[in-house]
Amino acid sequence: MNIPPLLVGISGASGVIYGIRMLEALRALGIPSHLVMSRSAEVTLALETTLKLADVHALADSVFNPADIAAAPSSGSARYRGMVIAPCSIRSMSEIATGVTSSLLTRAADVTLKERRRLILMVRETPLHTGHLRTMTALSEMGAIIAPPVPAFYAAPVSIDDMVDHTVGRILDLFDLDTGRVKRWGQTGQAARKRPRREDGGQ
């Protein structure tokens, strides 16, 4: 059976581990992945991890040069399950929202929207000014899903890896892919657990 790949974009925003873990999760699930990694993301990779660029490329089934606008993801005729940008910088988000794209990363996202495929942007920035919020609203109206990598503390994480795995798992849930690493509400006792009452009577 021909399984459409998931297109994974990694921008230069902080949080490159999300894109890396996304590729690892897709490989474990047997889902093909195609990677577009910006030049800024290569810098972030060196700053935030001990991995080499070749290590990240090896996790994907296909890797495209971000400057190659003629590559497959630039055309709607290329079949993809959808696209996720993990993490997504404000610049990348803004380019996608305007349609004025300067690289394969943002062009591929624009194509994903025009083909009515699922596009998920893990926007990594805070605090957000009104311009950022308006851009997010515009993208949401176009059909994109804005999914900042917010940790779920109800899952009782004990490490950064736990938080990253849970977040990546929840993003892949949006593509109907179950990593098996998500602690789901009501399945681990959190939903039934009552919050302790403070001695002063507060909640």
N, C-alpha and C. Protein backbone atom coordinates (compact mmCIF):
# COMPACT_ATOMS: atom_id res chain seq x y z
N MET A 1 0.85 -1.19 0.00
CA MET A 1 0.00 0.00 0.00
C MET A 1 0.88 1.24 0.00
N ASN A 2 0.54 2.21 -0.85
CA ASN A 2 1.30 3.44 -0.94
C ASN A 2 0.83 4.41 0.15
N ILE A 3 1.67 4.65 1.16
CA ILE A 3 1.31 5.52 2.28
C ILE A 3 1.81 6.93 1.99
N PRO A 4 0.92 7.92 1.91
CA PRO A 4 1.38 9.29 1.68
C PRO A 4 2.28 9.76 2.83
N PRO A 5 3.40 10.39 2.51
CA PRO A 5 4.29 10.86 3.57
C PRO A 5 3.74 12.10 4.26
N LEU A 6 4.24 12.33 5.46
CA LEU A 6 3.95 13.57 6.17
C LEU A 6 5.13 14.50 5.95
N LEU A 7 4.84 15.72 5.56
CA LEU A 7 5.89 16.71 5.33
C LEU A 7 6.20 17.41 6.65
N VAL A 8 7.44 17.37 7.06
CA VAL A 8 7.88 17.99 8.31
C VAL A 8 8.80 19.16 8.00
N GLY A 9 8.42 20.33 8.48
CA GLY A 9 9.25 21.50 8.34
C GLY A 9 9.86 21.86 9.68
N ILE A 10 11.10 22.29 9.67
CA ILE A 10 11.75 22.77 10.89
C ILE A 10 12.29 24.16 10.59
N SER A 11 11.79 25.16 11.29
CA SER A 11 12.25 26.53 11.10
C SER A 11 13.31 26.86 12.14
N GLY A 12 13.76 28.10 12.14
CA GLY A 12 14.84 28.49 13.03
C GLY A 12 14.43 28.87 14.43
N ALA A 13 13.16 28.74 14.78
CA ALA A 13 12.71 29.07 16.13
C ALA A 13 13.32 28.11 17.15
N SER A 14 13.39 28.54 18.38
CA SER A 14 13.85 27.66 19.45
C SER A 14 12.89 26.49 19.59
N GLY A 15 13.45 25.31 19.89
CA GLY A 15 12.61 24.13 20.04
C GLY A 15 12.80 23.13 18.92
N VAL A 16 14.00 23.09 18.36
CA VAL A 16 14.27 22.17 17.24
C VAL A 16 14.02 20.72 17.63
N ILE A 17 14.05 20.43 18.93
CA ILE A 17 13.82 19.05 19.39
C ILE A 17 12.43 18.56 18.99
N TYR A 18 11.46 19.47 18.84
CA TYR A 18 10.12 19.04 18.45
C TYR A 18 10.12 18.44 17.05
N GLY A 19 10.83 19.07 16.13
CA GLY A 19 10.91 18.52 14.79
C GLY A 19 11.67 17.21 14.75
N ILE A 20 12.74 17.13 15.52
CA ILE A 20 13.53 15.89 15.58
C ILE A 20 12.70 14.75 16.13
N ARG A 21 12.00 15.01 17.24
CA ARG A 21 11.18 13.96 17.84
C ARG A 21 10.02 13.58 16.94
N MET A 22 9.52 14.54 16.16
CA MET A 22 8.46 14.24 15.20
C MET A 22 8.94 13.22 14.17
N LEU A 23 10.14 13.43 13.66
CA LEU A 23 10.71 12.51 12.68
C LEU A 23 10.93 11.13 13.30
N GLU A 24 11.41 11.10 14.54
CA GLU A 24 11.62 9.81 15.22
C GLU A 24 10.30 9.08 15.42
N ALA A 25 9.25 9.81 15.80
CA ALA A 25 7.95 9.19 16.03
C ALA A 25 7.36 8.64 14.74
N LEU A 26 7.52 9.37 13.66
CA LEU A 26 6.99 8.90 12.37
C LEU A 26 7.72 7.65 11.91
N ARG A 27 9.01 7.62 12.12
CA ARG A 27 9.78 6.42 11.75
C ARG A 27 9.30 5.22 12.57
N ALA A 28 9.07 5.41 13.87
CA ALA A 28 8.62 4.32 14.72
C ALA A 28 7.24 3.81 14.29
N LEU A 29 6.42 4.71 13.74
CA LEU A 29 5.07 4.34 13.30
C LEU A 29 5.06 3.76 11.88
N GLY A 30 6.19 3.83 11.19
CA GLY A 30 6.23 3.34 9.82
C GLY A 30 5.60 4.29 8.82
N ILE A 31 5.51 5.58 9.18
CA ILE A 31 4.94 6.59 8.30
C ILE A 31 6.08 7.34 7.60
N PRO A 32 6.11 7.37 6.29
CA PRO A 32 7.18 8.08 5.59
C PRO A 32 7.18 9.57 5.94
N SER A 33 8.37 10.14 6.05
CA SER A 33 8.49 11.56 6.35
C SER A 33 9.40 12.24 5.33
N HIS A 34 9.01 13.43 4.92
CA HIS A 34 9.82 14.26 4.06
C HIS A 34 10.17 15.53 4.83
N LEU A 35 11.41 15.94 4.77
CA LEU A 35 11.90 17.02 5.62
C LEU A 35 12.35 18.23 4.81
N VAL A 36 11.92 19.42 5.27
CA VAL A 36 12.44 20.69 4.79
C VAL A 36 12.90 21.46 6.01
N MET A 37 14.19 21.72 6.08
CA MET A 37 14.78 22.38 7.26
C MET A 37 15.44 23.68 6.82
N SER A 38 15.04 24.78 7.42
CA SER A 38 15.58 26.08 7.00
C SER A 38 17.04 26.23 7.42
N ARG A 39 17.73 27.17 6.80
CA ARG A 39 19.12 27.46 7.17
C ARG A 39 19.21 27.92 8.62
N SER A 40 18.24 28.69 9.05
CA SER A 40 18.23 29.15 10.45
C SER A 40 18.05 27.98 11.40
N ALA A 41 17.30 26.97 10.98
CA ALA A 41 17.11 25.79 11.82
C ALA A 41 18.42 25.05 12.02
N GLU A 42 19.29 25.08 11.03
CA GLU A 42 20.60 24.43 11.16
C GLU A 42 21.42 25.12 12.26
N VAL A 43 21.30 26.44 12.35
CA VAL A 43 21.99 27.19 13.40
C VAL A 43 21.42 26.82 14.77
N THR A 44 20.09 26.77 14.86
CA THR A 44 19.44 26.41 16.12
C THR A 44 19.81 25.00 16.54
N LEU A 45 19.91 24.10 15.57
CA LEU A 45 20.30 22.72 15.87
C LEU A 45 21.65 22.68 16.58
N ALA A 46 22.60 23.46 16.10
CA ALA A 46 23.94 23.50 16.70
C ALA A 46 23.92 24.12 18.09
N LEU A 47 23.01 25.08 18.30
CA LEU A 47 22.94 25.77 19.59
C LEU A 47 22.22 24.95 20.66
N GLU A 48 21.23 24.16 20.25
CA GLU A 48 20.36 23.50 21.22
C GLU A 48 20.61 22.01 21.39
N THR A 49 21.38 21.40 20.48
CA THR A 49 21.62 19.96 20.59
C THR A 49 23.08 19.65 20.27
N THR A 50 23.44 18.39 20.46
CA THR A 50 24.77 17.92 20.07
C THR A 50 24.72 17.14 18.76
N LEU A 51 23.55 17.15 18.12
CA LEU A 51 23.37 16.40 16.88
C LEU A 51 23.99 17.14 15.70
N LYS A 52 24.41 16.39 14.71
CA LYS A 52 24.87 16.95 13.46
C LYS A 52 23.70 17.01 12.48
N LEU A 53 23.85 17.85 11.47
CA LEU A 53 22.79 17.97 10.48
C LEU A 53 22.52 16.62 9.82
N ALA A 54 23.56 15.87 9.56
CA ALA A 54 23.41 14.55 8.93
C ALA A 54 22.58 13.61 9.80
N ASP A 55 22.67 13.76 11.13
CA ASP A 55 21.89 12.91 12.04
C ASP A 55 20.39 13.16 11.85
N VAL A 56 20.04 14.42 11.70
CA VAL A 56 18.63 14.77 11.52
C VAL A 56 18.14 14.32 10.15
N HIS A 57 18.95 14.57 9.13
CA HIS A 57 18.57 14.15 7.78
C HIS A 57 18.34 12.65 7.70
N ALA A 58 19.12 11.89 8.46
CA ALA A 58 19.01 10.43 8.43
C ALA A 58 17.68 9.93 8.99
N LEU A 59 16.97 10.77 9.74
CA LEU A 59 15.69 10.37 10.32
C LEU A 59 14.54 10.44 9.32
N ALA A 60 14.74 11.18 8.22
CA ALA A 60 13.69 11.38 7.24
C ALA A 60 13.90 10.47 6.04
N ASP A 61 12.80 10.16 5.35
CA ASP A 61 12.89 9.33 4.15
C ASP A 61 13.39 10.13 2.96
N SER A 62 13.05 11.43 2.93
CA SER A 62 13.54 12.33 1.88
C SER A 62 13.83 13.69 2.52
N VAL A 63 14.86 14.35 2.03
CA VAL A 63 15.24 15.66 2.53
C VAL A 63 15.35 16.62 1.35
N PHE A 64 14.75 17.80 1.49
CA PHE A 64 14.77 18.79 0.42
C PHE A 64 15.53 20.04 0.84
N ASN A 65 16.28 20.59 -0.08
CA ASN A 65 17.01 21.84 0.14
C ASN A 65 15.99 22.98 0.25
N PRO A 66 16.04 23.78 1.29
CA PRO A 66 15.05 24.85 1.45
C PRO A 66 15.09 25.90 0.34
N ALA A 67 16.20 25.94 -0.40
CA ALA A 67 16.32 26.90 -1.50
C ALA A 67 15.79 26.35 -2.82
N ASP A 68 15.44 25.07 -2.84
CA ASP A 68 15.01 24.42 -4.08
C ASP A 68 13.49 24.57 -4.26
N ILE A 69 13.10 25.66 -4.86
CA ILE A 69 11.68 25.93 -5.04
C ILE A 69 11.04 24.99 -6.06
N ALA A 70 11.88 24.28 -6.83
CA ALA A 70 11.35 23.33 -7.81
C ALA A 70 11.16 21.93 -7.23
N ALA A 71 11.44 21.75 -5.95
CA ALA A 71 11.32 20.43 -5.33
C ALA A 71 9.85 20.01 -5.23
N ALA A 72 9.63 18.73 -5.03
CA ALA A 72 8.28 18.16 -5.02
C ALA A 72 7.27 18.89 -4.12
N PRO A 73 7.64 19.27 -2.87
CA PRO A 73 6.63 19.88 -2.00
C PRO A 73 6.10 21.23 -2.49
N SER A 74 6.74 21.80 -3.52
CA SER A 74 6.28 23.09 -4.02
C SER A 74 5.08 22.95 -4.94
N SER A 75 4.72 21.71 -5.27
CA SER A 75 3.60 21.48 -6.18
C SER A 75 2.47 20.72 -5.50
N GLY A 76 1.27 21.13 -5.78
CA GLY A 76 0.11 20.44 -5.22
C GLY A 76 -0.08 19.05 -5.77
N SER A 77 0.59 18.73 -6.88
CA SER A 77 0.44 17.40 -7.46
C SER A 77 1.19 16.34 -6.66
N ALA A 78 2.12 16.77 -5.81
CA ALA A 78 2.82 15.82 -4.93
C ALA A 78 1.87 15.44 -3.79
N ARG A 79 1.70 14.14 -3.57
CA ARG A 79 0.73 13.68 -2.57
C ARG A 79 1.36 13.65 -1.19
N TYR A 80 0.74 14.37 -0.25
CA TYR A 80 1.19 14.39 1.13
C TYR A 80 -0.01 14.23 2.07
N ARG A 81 0.25 13.62 3.20
CA ARG A 81 -0.77 13.48 4.25
C ARG A 81 -1.11 14.85 4.82
N GLY A 82 -0.16 15.74 4.78
CA GLY A 82 -0.30 17.07 5.35
C GLY A 82 1.08 17.58 5.69
N MET A 83 1.13 18.66 6.46
CA MET A 83 2.42 19.24 6.83
C MET A 83 2.36 19.78 8.25
N VAL A 84 3.46 19.63 8.96
CA VAL A 84 3.61 20.23 10.28
C VAL A 84 4.95 20.97 10.30
N ILE A 85 4.94 22.17 10.84
CA ILE A 85 6.19 22.92 11.03
C ILE A 85 6.47 22.96 12.52
N ALA A 86 7.57 22.28 12.90
CA ALA A 86 7.87 22.07 14.31
C ALA A 86 9.36 22.33 14.58
N PRO A 87 9.68 23.45 15.20
CA PRO A 87 8.81 24.57 15.57
C PRO A 87 8.62 25.51 14.40
N CYS A 88 7.68 26.44 14.56
CA CYS A 88 7.40 27.43 13.52
C CYS A 88 7.75 28.81 14.03
N SER A 89 8.64 29.50 13.32
CA SER A 89 9.03 30.85 13.71
C SER A 89 7.95 31.86 13.31
N ILE A 90 8.01 33.03 13.90
CA ILE A 90 7.07 34.09 13.55
C ILE A 90 7.26 34.52 12.09
N ARG A 91 8.51 34.54 11.63
CA ARG A 91 8.75 34.91 10.24
C ARG A 91 8.10 33.91 9.29
N SER A 92 8.30 32.62 9.55
CA SER A 92 7.69 31.60 8.69
C SER A 92 6.18 31.70 8.72
N MET A 93 5.63 31.87 9.90
CA MET A 93 4.19 32.00 10.04
C MET A 93 3.67 33.18 9.23
N SER A 94 4.39 34.30 9.29
CA SER A 94 3.95 35.51 8.59
C SER A 94 4.01 35.35 7.08
N GLU A 95 5.06 34.69 6.59
CA GLU A 95 5.16 34.44 5.15
C GLU A 95 4.00 33.58 4.67
N ILE A 96 3.69 32.55 5.42
CA ILE A 96 2.60 31.65 5.03
C ILE A 96 1.27 32.40 4.99
N ALA A 97 1.07 33.28 5.96
CA ALA A 97 -0.19 34.02 6.05
C ALA A 97 -0.38 34.97 4.88
N THR A 98 0.70 35.55 4.38
CA THR A 98 0.60 36.52 3.28
C THR A 98 0.67 35.86 1.91
N GLY A 99 1.22 34.63 1.86
CA GLY A 99 1.41 33.98 0.57
C GLY A 99 2.66 34.44 -0.14
N VAL A 100 3.40 35.36 0.47
CA VAL A 100 4.66 35.86 -0.11
C VAL A 100 5.78 35.02 0.49
N THR A 101 6.06 33.89 -0.13
CA THR A 101 6.98 32.92 0.45
C THR A 101 8.37 33.05 -0.17
N SER A 102 9.40 32.84 0.66
CA SER A 102 10.78 33.04 0.21
C SER A 102 11.60 31.77 0.22
N SER A 103 11.02 30.66 0.60
CA SER A 103 11.77 29.40 0.67
C SER A 103 10.83 28.23 0.43
N LEU A 104 11.41 27.06 0.25
CA LEU A 104 10.59 25.87 0.05
C LEU A 104 9.75 25.58 1.30
N LEU A 105 10.28 25.90 2.47
CA LEU A 105 9.55 25.65 3.72
C LEU A 105 8.18 26.34 3.70
N THR A 106 8.19 27.64 3.43
CA THR A 106 6.93 28.38 3.47
C THR A 106 6.09 28.16 2.21
N ARG A 107 6.76 27.93 1.08
CA ARG A 107 6.02 27.62 -0.15
C ARG A 107 5.25 26.31 0.02
N ALA A 108 5.90 25.30 0.61
CA ALA A 108 5.23 24.01 0.82
C ALA A 108 4.03 24.16 1.74
N ALA A 109 4.14 25.02 2.74
CA ALA A 109 3.02 25.26 3.64
C ALA A 109 1.87 25.94 2.92
N ASP A 110 2.20 26.89 2.05
CA ASP A 110 1.19 27.58 1.26
C ASP A 110 0.47 26.59 0.34
N VAL A 111 1.23 25.68 -0.26
CA VAL A 111 0.64 24.65 -1.12
C VAL A 111 -0.28 23.74 -0.31
N THR A 112 0.15 23.41 0.89
CA THR A 112 -0.67 22.56 1.76
C THR A 112 -2.03 23.20 2.00
N LEU A 113 -2.04 24.49 2.23
CA LEU A 113 -3.30 25.20 2.45
C LEU A 113 -4.15 25.23 1.19
N LYS A 114 -3.53 25.52 0.05
CA LYS A 114 -4.33 25.65 -1.17
C LYS A 114 -4.92 24.32 -1.62
N GLU A 115 -4.25 23.23 -1.24
CA GLU A 115 -4.75 21.90 -1.57
C GLU A 115 -5.73 21.37 -0.52
N ARG A 116 -6.01 22.21 0.48
CA ARG A 116 -6.94 21.87 1.56
C ARG A 116 -6.47 20.66 2.37
N ARG A 117 -5.15 20.55 2.53
CA ARG A 117 -4.59 19.52 3.39
C ARG A 117 -4.32 20.11 4.77
N ARG A 118 -4.13 19.25 5.74
CA ARG A 118 -3.93 19.72 7.10
C ARG A 118 -2.55 20.34 7.27
N LEU A 119 -2.53 21.56 7.78
CA LEU A 119 -1.28 22.27 8.08
C LEU A 119 -1.30 22.64 9.55
N ILE A 120 -0.27 22.19 10.28
CA ILE A 120 -0.17 22.48 11.70
C ILE A 120 1.11 23.27 11.96
N LEU A 121 0.96 24.40 12.61
CA LEU A 121 2.08 25.28 12.91
C LEU A 121 2.32 25.31 14.41
N MET A 122 3.45 24.76 14.83
CA MET A 122 3.81 24.79 16.25
C MET A 122 4.57 26.08 16.51
N VAL A 123 3.81 27.16 16.61
CA VAL A 123 4.41 28.49 16.75
C VAL A 123 5.11 28.62 18.10
N ARG A 124 6.37 28.99 18.05
CA ARG A 124 7.20 29.05 19.25
C ARG A 124 7.62 30.50 19.48
N GLU A 125 6.78 31.22 20.23
CA GLU A 125 7.10 32.62 20.56
C GLU A 125 6.21 33.05 21.71
N THR A 126 6.74 33.89 22.57
CA THR A 126 5.96 34.49 23.65
C THR A 126 6.79 35.62 24.27
N PRO A 127 6.14 36.70 24.71
CA PRO A 127 4.72 37.02 24.55
C PRO A 127 4.40 37.39 23.10
N LEU A 128 3.12 37.44 22.81
CA LEU A 128 2.64 37.73 21.46
C LEU A 128 2.00 39.11 21.42
N HIS A 129 2.38 39.91 20.41
CA HIS A 129 1.70 41.19 20.27
C HIS A 129 0.49 41.04 19.35
N THR A 130 -0.27 42.10 19.19
CA THR A 130 -1.52 42.02 18.45
C THR A 130 -1.31 41.60 17.00
N GLY A 131 -0.21 42.03 16.41
CA GLY A 131 0.08 41.64 15.03
C GLY A 131 0.25 40.14 14.89
N HIS A 132 0.94 39.52 15.86
CA HIS A 132 1.10 38.07 15.85
C HIS A 132 -0.27 37.38 15.93
N LEU A 133 -1.08 37.87 16.84
CA LEU A 133 -2.39 37.26 17.07
C LEU A 133 -3.30 37.40 15.85
N ARG A 134 -3.22 38.55 15.18
CA ARG A 134 -4.02 38.75 13.96
C ARG A 134 -3.56 37.82 12.85
N THR A 135 -2.25 37.61 12.77
CA THR A 135 -1.71 36.70 11.76
C THR A 135 -2.18 35.28 12.03
N MET A 136 -2.18 34.88 13.29
CA MET A 136 -2.67 33.55 13.65
C MET A 136 -4.15 33.40 13.31
N THR A 137 -4.92 34.45 13.55
CA THR A 137 -6.34 34.40 13.22
C THR A 137 -6.54 34.23 11.71
N ALA A 138 -5.74 34.96 10.94
CA ALA A 138 -5.85 34.86 9.48
C ALA A 138 -5.52 33.44 9.02
N LEU A 139 -4.49 32.85 9.59
CA LEU A 139 -4.10 31.48 9.22
C LEU A 139 -5.17 30.47 9.62
N SER A 140 -5.74 30.67 10.79
CA SER A 140 -6.81 29.78 11.23
C SER A 140 -8.00 29.85 10.29
N GLU A 141 -8.32 31.07 9.83
CA GLU A 141 -9.42 31.24 8.88
C GLU A 141 -9.11 30.59 7.54
N MET A 142 -7.82 30.49 7.20
CA MET A 142 -7.42 29.82 5.95
C MET A 142 -7.45 28.31 6.06
N GLY A 143 -7.51 27.80 7.30
CA GLY A 143 -7.57 26.36 7.49
C GLY A 143 -6.41 25.76 8.25
N ALA A 144 -5.41 26.58 8.59
CA ALA A 144 -4.28 26.08 9.37
C ALA A 144 -4.69 25.85 10.83
N ILE A 145 -3.95 24.99 11.49
CA ILE A 145 -4.14 24.77 12.92
C ILE A 145 -2.92 25.35 13.64
N ILE A 146 -3.16 26.27 14.54
CA ILE A 146 -2.08 26.87 15.33
C ILE A 146 -1.97 26.08 16.62
N ALA A 147 -0.84 25.42 16.82
CA ALA A 147 -0.68 24.53 17.97
C ALA A 147 0.65 24.79 18.66
N PRO A 148 0.73 25.83 19.48
CA PRO A 148 1.98 26.09 20.21
C PRO A 148 2.34 24.90 21.08
N PRO A 149 3.62 24.62 21.25
CA PRO A 149 4.05 23.47 22.07
C PRO A 149 3.92 23.75 23.57
N VAL A 150 2.69 23.67 24.06
CA VAL A 150 2.41 23.93 25.47
C VAL A 150 2.40 22.62 26.24
N PRO A 151 3.19 22.49 27.30
CA PRO A 151 3.24 21.23 28.04
C PRO A 151 1.93 20.95 28.78
N ALA A 152 1.57 19.67 28.86
CA ALA A 152 0.37 19.26 29.58
C ALA A 152 0.79 18.71 30.94
N PHE A 153 0.63 19.50 31.97
CA PHE A 153 1.10 19.07 33.28
C PHE A 153 0.20 18.02 33.93
N TYR A 154 -1.03 17.86 33.41
CA TYR A 154 -1.88 16.79 33.95
C TYR A 154 -1.28 15.42 33.67
N ALA A 155 -0.37 15.35 32.69
CA ALA A 155 0.28 14.07 32.37
C ALA A 155 1.41 13.74 33.36
N ALA A 156 1.64 14.64 34.33
CA ALA A 156 2.66 14.44 35.36
C ALA A 156 4.03 14.11 34.77
N PRO A 157 4.55 15.00 33.90
CA PRO A 157 5.86 14.74 33.30
C PRO A 157 6.96 14.81 34.35
N VAL A 158 7.96 13.96 34.20
CA VAL A 158 9.10 13.97 35.13
C VAL A 158 10.38 14.40 34.43
N SER A 159 10.29 14.67 33.12
CA SER A 159 11.47 15.09 32.38
C SER A 159 11.04 15.93 31.18
N ILE A 160 12.01 16.63 30.59
CA ILE A 160 11.73 17.38 29.38
C ILE A 160 11.32 16.43 28.26
N ASP A 161 11.95 15.27 28.21
CA ASP A 161 11.58 14.27 27.19
C ASP A 161 10.11 13.90 27.29
N ASP A 162 9.60 13.75 28.51
CA ASP A 162 8.18 13.43 28.70
C ASP A 162 7.29 14.51 28.09
N MET A 163 7.65 15.77 28.34
CA MET A 163 6.85 16.89 27.83
C MET A 163 6.91 16.96 26.31
N VAL A 164 8.10 16.75 25.75
CA VAL A 164 8.25 16.78 24.30
C VAL A 164 7.46 15.64 23.66
N ASP A 165 7.60 14.44 24.21
CA ASP A 165 6.90 13.27 23.65
C ASP A 165 5.39 13.46 23.68
N HIS A 166 4.88 14.00 24.78
CA HIS A 166 3.44 14.21 24.89
C HIS A 166 2.96 15.23 23.86
N THR A 167 3.70 16.33 23.74
CA THR A 167 3.32 17.37 22.79
C THR A 167 3.34 16.85 21.35
N VAL A 168 4.41 16.14 21.00
CA VAL A 168 4.52 15.58 19.66
C VAL A 168 3.39 14.56 19.42
N GLY A 169 3.08 13.78 20.43
CA GLY A 169 2.00 12.82 20.31
C GLY A 169 0.66 13.48 20.05
N ARG A 170 0.42 14.59 20.75
CA ARG A 170 -0.85 15.30 20.56
C ARG A 170 -0.94 15.92 19.17
N ILE A 171 0.19 16.40 18.65
CA ILE A 171 0.19 16.94 17.29
C ILE A 171 -0.12 15.83 16.28
N LEU A 172 0.50 14.68 16.45
CA LEU A 172 0.27 13.57 15.53
C LEU A 172 -1.15 13.02 15.66
N ASP A 173 -1.78 13.21 16.83
CA ASP A 173 -3.19 12.85 16.98
C ASP A 173 -4.03 13.57 15.91
N LEU A 174 -3.63 14.78 15.55
CA LEU A 174 -4.38 15.57 14.58
C LEU A 174 -4.30 14.99 13.16
N PHE A 175 -3.35 14.08 12.97
CA PHE A 175 -3.25 13.35 11.71
C PHE A 175 -3.75 11.90 11.87
N ASP A 176 -4.45 11.65 12.99
CA ASP A 176 -4.96 10.31 13.30
C ASP A 176 -3.83 9.29 13.43
N LEU A 177 -2.72 9.72 14.01
CA LEU A 177 -1.57 8.85 14.25
C LEU A 177 -1.32 8.79 15.75
N ASP A 178 -1.29 7.59 16.30
CA ASP A 178 -1.13 7.39 17.74
C ASP A 178 0.28 6.89 18.04
N THR A 179 1.06 7.71 18.73
CA THR A 179 2.43 7.32 19.06
C THR A 179 2.50 6.36 20.23
N GLY A 180 1.42 6.25 21.01
CA GLY A 180 1.44 5.42 22.21
C GLY A 180 2.14 6.09 23.37
N ARG A 181 2.55 7.35 23.20
CA ARG A 181 3.29 8.07 24.24
C ARG A 181 2.46 9.16 24.90
N VAL A 182 1.18 9.23 24.56
CA VAL A 182 0.32 10.27 25.12
C VAL A 182 -0.44 9.73 26.33
N LYS A 183 -0.30 10.40 27.45
CA LYS A 183 -1.10 10.05 28.63
C LYS A 183 -2.42 10.77 28.50
N ARG A 184 -3.46 10.01 28.19
CA ARG A 184 -4.74 10.61 27.87
C ARG A 184 -5.59 10.84 29.11
N TRP A 185 -6.28 11.96 29.10
CA TRP A 185 -7.11 12.36 30.23
C TRP A 185 -8.17 11.29 30.51
N GLY A 186 -8.25 10.89 31.77
CA GLY A 186 -9.24 9.90 32.17
C GLY A 186 -8.74 8.48 32.10
N GLN A 187 -7.58 8.26 31.47
CA GLN A 187 -7.04 6.90 31.35
C GLN A 187 -5.94 6.62 32.37
N THR A 188 -5.47 7.67 33.02
CA THR A 188 -4.37 7.48 33.97
C THR A 188 -4.71 7.97 35.37
N GLY A 189 -6.00 8.26 35.60
CA GLY A 189 -6.43 8.63 36.94
C GLY A 189 -6.52 10.12 37.18
N GLN A 190 -5.97 10.95 36.29
CA GLN A 190 -5.98 12.39 36.55
C GLN A 190 -7.40 12.95 36.60
N ALA A 191 -8.26 12.46 35.70
CA ALA A 191 -9.61 13.03 35.62
C ALA A 191 -10.39 12.77 36.89
N ALA A 192 -10.14 11.64 37.54
CA ALA A 192 -10.90 11.27 38.73
C ALA A 192 -10.26 11.79 40.02
N ARG A 193 -9.02 12.23 39.90
CA ARG A 193 -8.30 12.67 41.08
C ARG A 193 -8.78 14.04 41.52
N LYS A 194 -9.16 14.19 42.77
CA LYS A 194 -9.64 15.47 43.28
C LYS A 194 -8.46 16.32 43.70
N ARG A 195 -8.58 17.61 43.46
CA ARG A 195 -7.53 18.53 43.87
C ARG A 195 -7.58 18.68 45.38
N PRO A 196 -6.45 18.66 46.06
CA PRO A 196 -6.45 18.81 47.52
C PRO A 196 -6.93 20.19 47.94
N ARG A 197 -7.72 20.23 48.99
CA ARG A 197 -8.22 21.51 49.49
C ARG A 197 -7.20 22.14 50.41
N ARG A 198 -6.91 23.42 50.20
CA ARG A 198 -5.95 24.13 51.05
C ARG A 198 -6.52 24.32 52.44
N GLU A 199 -5.64 24.47 53.39
CA GLU A 199 -6.06 24.63 54.80
C GLU A 199 -6.87 25.89 55.00
N ASP A 200 -6.64 26.90 54.13
CA ASP A 200 -7.40 28.16 54.31
C ASP A 200 -8.76 28.10 53.63
N GLY A 201 -9.08 26.91 53.08
CA GLY A 201 -10.38 26.75 52.44
C GLY A 201 -10.39 27.00 50.97
N GLY A 202 -9.28 27.50 50.44
CA GLY A 202 -9.22 27.77 49.00
C GLY A 202 -9.04 26.52 48.20
N GLN A 203 -9.18 26.65 46.88
CA GLN A 203 -9.05 25.50 45.98
C GLN A 203 -7.63 25.42 45.42
